[in-house]
């Protein structure tokens, strides 16, 4: 049974206040998969401590970097069940885990961060890994 929405709302807001788009239904995920070109970071959010202490802080830090994905989206495991299942179907080669993060390029996974790479690591360390993936796979910003 999902946690009450009033309990998870602050956990959702940690990402949405950064401009991360929530995908709350399977249809939202389908639209995202169909319409997104370029790079996208898909974050599988969760109520667990490693999401609070590692995953969400890492996303916040990594999105401050000049090179970042064209789009960042999230599903919430255990809350938006159908959306999460549809998102995970985009990367079937990885066992379901929450939290987790998939960097996609033209719909294909080019970098994946499973839960075991989040647990026991701080947000700064995880963000460093994400930024390295962004540098490798995302378009560089235009020179000013």
Protein backbone atom coordinates (compact mmCIF):
# COMPACT_ATOMS: atom_id res chain seq x y z
CA UNK A 1 0.00 0.00 0.00
CA UNK A 2 1.45 3.40 -0.96
CA UNK A 3 2.48 5.91 1.67
CA UNK A 4 0.06 8.82 2.16
CA UNK A 5 0.62 11.55 -0.43
CA UNK A 6 1.13 14.20 2.27
CA UNK A 7 4.10 12.17 3.51
CA UNK A 8 5.80 11.80 0.13
CA UNK A 9 4.99 15.29 -1.19
CA UNK A 10 8.19 16.80 0.30
CA UNK A 11 10.24 13.97 -1.26
CA UNK A 12 8.68 14.68 -4.64
CA UNK A 13 9.30 18.41 -4.18
CA UNK A 14 13.02 17.87 -3.61
CA UNK A 15 13.23 17.03 -7.31
CA UNK A 16 10.40 19.06 -8.84
CA UNK A 17 11.70 22.31 -7.32
CA UNK A 18 14.85 21.67 -9.40
CA UNK A 19 12.77 21.59 -12.58
CA UNK A 20 12.57 17.79 -12.75
CA UNK A 21 9.34 16.72 -14.45
CA UNK A 22 7.21 14.13 -12.68
CA UNK A 23 5.82 11.25 -14.68
CA UNK A 24 2.89 10.05 -12.56
CA UNK A 25 1.13 7.72 -14.99
CA UNK A 26 2.12 5.09 -17.51
CA UNK A 27 0.76 7.43 -20.20
CA UNK A 28 3.13 10.17 -18.99
CA UNK A 29 6.06 7.77 -19.34
CA UNK A 30 4.87 6.66 -22.80
CA UNK A 31 4.68 10.30 -23.93
CA UNK A 32 8.16 10.96 -22.51
CA UNK A 33 9.60 7.90 -24.27
CA UNK A 34 8.00 8.84 -27.58
CA UNK A 35 8.71 12.57 -27.55
CA UNK A 36 12.16 12.84 -25.98
CA UNK A 37 15.14 13.22 -28.28
CA UNK A 38 18.67 13.85 -27.10
CA UNK A 39 19.58 13.07 -23.51
CA UNK A 40 17.40 12.57 -20.47
CA UNK A 41 18.01 11.56 -16.88
CA UNK A 42 15.24 9.36 -15.49
CA UNK A 43 15.28 9.16 -11.69
CA UNK A 44 13.40 6.41 -9.89
CA UNK A 45 12.65 8.17 -6.60
CA UNK A 46 11.86 6.40 -3.34
CA UNK A 47 11.04 6.97 0.33
CA UNK A 48 14.13 5.10 1.52
CA UNK A 49 17.06 6.65 3.32
CA UNK A 50 19.47 6.20 0.42
CA UNK A 51 17.14 8.26 -1.78
CA UNK A 52 17.09 11.00 0.86
CA UNK A 53 20.79 10.87 1.71
CA UNK A 54 22.26 10.02 -1.67
CA UNK A 55 20.07 10.01 -4.77
CA UNK A 56 18.12 13.26 -4.47
CA UNK A 57 21.11 15.29 -3.22
CA UNK A 58 23.20 13.85 -6.07
CA UNK A 59 20.65 14.91 -8.66
CA UNK A 60 20.51 18.39 -7.14
CA UNK A 61 24.30 18.76 -7.26
CA UNK A 62 24.73 17.22 -10.72
CA UNK A 63 22.09 19.47 -12.31
CA UNK A 64 24.14 22.52 -11.29
CA UNK A 65 26.86 21.45 -13.73
CA UNK A 66 27.08 23.29 -17.06
CA UNK A 67 26.78 20.03 -19.01
CA UNK A 68 23.57 18.23 -18.20
CA UNK A 69 20.82 16.27 -19.92
CA UNK A 70 18.30 17.96 -22.17
CA UNK A 71 15.54 16.75 -19.87
CA UNK A 72 15.26 15.30 -16.35
CA UNK A 73 12.24 13.31 -15.23
CA UNK A 74 11.23 11.20 -12.25
CA UNK A 75 8.87 8.43 -11.26
CA UNK A 76 8.17 7.53 -7.65
CA UNK A 77 8.53 3.84 -6.79
CA UNK A 78 5.85 2.48 -4.50
CA UNK A 79 3.64 5.49 -5.21
CA UNK A 80 3.13 5.82 -8.96
CA UNK A 81 3.19 2.09 -9.55
CA UNK A 82 2.19 1.95 -13.23
CA UNK A 83 4.49 4.84 -14.18
CA UNK A 84 7.41 3.19 -12.39
CA UNK A 85 6.75 -0.17 -14.06
CA UNK A 86 6.61 1.48 -17.50
CA UNK A 87 9.79 3.46 -16.80
CA UNK A 88 11.63 0.32 -15.70
CA UNK A 89 10.51 -1.38 -18.91
CA UNK A 90 12.73 1.14 -20.72
CA UNK A 91 15.79 -0.54 -19.20
CA UNK A 92 14.91 -4.24 -18.78
CA UNK A 93 18.56 -5.26 -18.71
CA UNK A 94 18.81 -3.80 -15.19
CA UNK A 95 17.02 -5.37 -12.23
CA UNK A 96 14.38 -3.08 -10.69
CA UNK A 97 15.82 -1.01 -7.87
CA UNK A 98 14.85 2.13 -6.08
CA UNK A 99 16.27 4.54 -6.04
CA UNK A 100 18.06 4.33 -9.35
CA UNK A 101 18.93 6.60 -12.27
CA UNK A 102 19.15 6.01 -16.00
CA UNK A 103 20.83 8.42 -18.39
CA UNK A 104 19.21 7.94 -21.78
CA UNK A 105 20.40 9.12 -25.16
CA UNK A 106 17.79 8.96 -27.90
CA UNK A 107 15.86 6.48 -25.76
CA UNK A 108 18.77 4.12 -25.08
CA UNK A 109 20.44 3.70 -21.70
CA UNK A 110 24.03 4.96 -21.82
CA UNK A 111 24.64 5.08 -18.04
CA UNK A 112 22.80 3.45 -15.16
CA UNK A 113 23.11 3.97 -11.41
CA UNK A 114 21.44 1.13 -9.49
CA UNK A 115 20.57 1.23 -5.81
CA UNK A 116 23.72 -0.63 -4.79
CA UNK A 117 25.77 2.24 -6.26
CA UNK A 118 23.76 4.73 -4.18
CA UNK A 119 23.57 2.95 -0.82
CA UNK A 120 26.34 3.99 1.54
CA UNK A 121 27.59 6.76 -0.77
CA UNK A 122 27.05 10.46 -0.22
CA UNK A 123 25.34 12.77 -2.68
CA UNK A 124 28.59 14.48 -3.70
CA UNK A 125 30.25 11.20 -4.69
CA UNK A 126 27.20 10.05 -6.67
CA UNK A 127 26.95 13.50 -8.31
CA UNK A 128 30.57 13.25 -9.42
CA UNK A 129 29.75 10.01 -11.22
CA UNK A 130 26.65 11.55 -12.80
CA UNK A 131 28.58 14.60 -13.98
CA UNK A 132 31.18 12.33 -15.61
CA UNK A 133 28.35 10.58 -17.47
CA UNK A 134 26.87 13.95 -18.46
CA UNK A 135 30.27 15.07 -19.78
CA UNK A 136 30.56 11.90 -21.83
CA UNK A 137 27.05 11.70 -23.26
CA UNK A 138 25.36 15.14 -23.14
CA UNK A 139 25.84 18.07 -25.51
CA UNK A 140 28.18 20.76 -24.28
CA UNK A 141 26.59 24.21 -23.81
CA UNK A 142 27.30 26.78 -26.48
CA UNK A 143 30.22 29.13 -25.80
CA UNK A 144 29.12 32.55 -24.60
